[in-house]
Amino acid sequence: MDVTVTNARDRKRYEARVDGTLAAIADYIPTDELVAFTHTEVLDGFEGQGVGSVLVGRALDDVRGQHLAVLAVCPFVSGYVQRHPEYSDLLYRSRTGAVAD
């Protein structure tokens, strides 16, 4: 399965497409220091195929490339980071040093 992930900045979401068809989205709120992921949705017909995981992994890679932190408000994104500790360094830390996921 060929999954293409793009950052649709005008819609404030990452989009995953499978063979050109929109398959999943990850909504976010950008700030100067972080990206707050608020909602991830895998569209009908694409559930259970790993599209959501590909979407979130590539979105996190993109955020890392921008040198920003991640606030994982969305349970899917939060769970993904818990299962993939290589992304834990991206989690936003408050001024007190507490991790906000």
Protein backbone atom coordinates (compact mmCIF):
# COMPACT_ATOMS: atom_id res chain seq x y z
CA MET A 1 0.00 0.00 0.00
CA ASP A 2 1.43 3.37 -1.03
CA VAL A 3 0.67 6.05 1.58
CA THR A 4 1.48 9.67 0.82
CA VAL A 5 1.45 12.15 3.72
CA THR A 6 1.30 15.91 3.22
CA ASN A 7 0.96 18.89 5.50
CA ALA A 8 -2.16 20.78 4.40
CA ARG A 9 -1.18 23.97 6.24
CA ASP A 10 -4.19 25.90 4.98
CA ARG A 11 -6.47 23.32 6.65
CA LYS A 12 -4.14 22.88 9.67
CA ARG A 13 -3.94 19.14 9.23
CA TYR A 14 -1.75 16.38 7.92
CA GLU A 15 -3.40 14.23 5.28
CA ALA A 16 -2.67 10.64 4.32
CA ARG A 17 -3.68 9.47 0.88
CA VAL A 18 -3.70 5.93 -0.42
CA ASP A 19 -3.45 5.79 -4.20
CA GLY A 20 -4.61 9.41 -4.31
CA THR A 21 -7.66 8.88 -2.08
CA LEU A 22 -7.88 10.72 1.25
CA ALA A 23 -7.58 8.01 3.91
CA ALA A 24 -6.75 9.77 7.20
CA ILE A 25 -6.26 13.20 8.75
CA ALA A 26 -4.47 14.57 11.81
CA ASP A 27 -5.73 18.01 12.83
CA TYR A 28 -3.38 20.36 14.64
CA ILE A 29 -2.98 23.84 16.08
CA PRO A 30 0.40 25.41 15.33
CA THR A 31 2.20 27.86 17.62
CA ASP A 32 5.66 29.37 17.52
CA GLU A 33 7.07 26.67 19.80
CA LEU A 34 4.88 23.61 19.32
CA VAL A 35 2.29 21.75 17.30
CA ALA A 36 -0.78 20.64 19.27
CA PHE A 37 -2.34 17.55 17.68
CA THR A 38 -6.05 17.68 18.50
CA HIS A 39 -7.73 14.93 16.46
CA THR A 40 -6.78 12.02 14.23
CA GLU A 41 -9.29 10.21 12.06
CA VAL A 42 -8.95 7.26 9.71
CA LEU A 43 -11.71 7.38 7.12
CA ASP A 44 -14.13 4.55 6.39
CA GLY A 45 -12.58 1.73 4.42
CA PHE A 46 -9.05 2.43 5.64
CA GLU A 47 -9.32 1.41 9.31
CA GLY A 48 -7.04 -1.32 10.60
CA GLN A 49 -4.55 -1.01 7.74
CA GLY A 50 -1.91 1.05 9.53
CA VAL A 51 -2.69 4.27 7.67
CA GLY A 52 -3.17 6.22 10.91
CA SER A 53 0.19 5.07 12.23
CA VAL A 54 1.97 6.01 9.01
CA LEU A 55 0.26 9.41 9.10
CA VAL A 56 1.24 10.17 12.69
CA GLY A 57 4.80 8.89 12.30
CA ARG A 58 5.44 11.05 9.26
CA ALA A 59 3.71 14.06 10.85
CA LEU A 60 5.97 13.72 13.89
CA ASP A 61 9.00 13.46 11.62
CA ASP A 62 7.91 16.69 9.93
CA VAL A 63 7.47 18.46 13.28
CA ARG A 64 10.93 17.27 14.34
CA GLY A 65 12.34 18.72 11.12
CA GLN A 66 10.82 22.08 12.06
CA HIS A 67 12.51 21.92 15.50
CA LEU A 68 9.16 22.23 17.29
CA ALA A 69 7.67 20.36 20.22
CA VAL A 70 4.48 18.28 20.21
CA LEU A 71 1.48 18.61 22.49
CA ALA A 72 -0.40 15.33 22.06
CA VAL A 73 -3.98 16.28 22.95
CA CYS A 74 -5.28 13.58 20.60
CA PRO A 75 -5.37 10.13 22.26
CA PHE A 76 -4.19 8.45 19.04
CA VAL A 77 -1.08 10.64 18.83
CA SER A 78 -0.42 10.25 22.56
CA GLY A 79 -0.70 6.46 22.29
CA TYR A 80 1.55 6.42 19.24
CA VAL A 81 4.28 8.29 21.10
CA GLN A 82 3.95 5.92 24.07
CA ARG A 83 4.42 2.94 21.74
CA HIS A 84 7.29 4.63 19.86
CA PRO A 85 9.62 6.12 22.49
CA GLU A 86 11.93 7.45 19.79
CA TYR A 87 9.44 10.35 19.55
CA SER A 88 9.24 11.07 23.30
CA ASP A 89 11.85 13.82 22.96
CA LEU A 90 9.31 15.80 20.94
CA LEU A 91 6.77 16.04 23.76
CA TYR A 92 6.25 19.55 25.05
CA ARG A 93 7.72 20.18 28.48
CA SER A 94 6.36 22.98 30.60
CA ARG A 95 8.67 25.48 32.26
CA THR A 96 8.60 23.23 35.32
CA GLY A 97 9.95 20.38 33.21
CA ALA A 98 6.72 18.37 33.33
CA VAL A 99 5.80 16.55 30.14
CA ALA A 100 2.40 17.48 28.72
CA ASP A 101 0.93 14.72 26.60
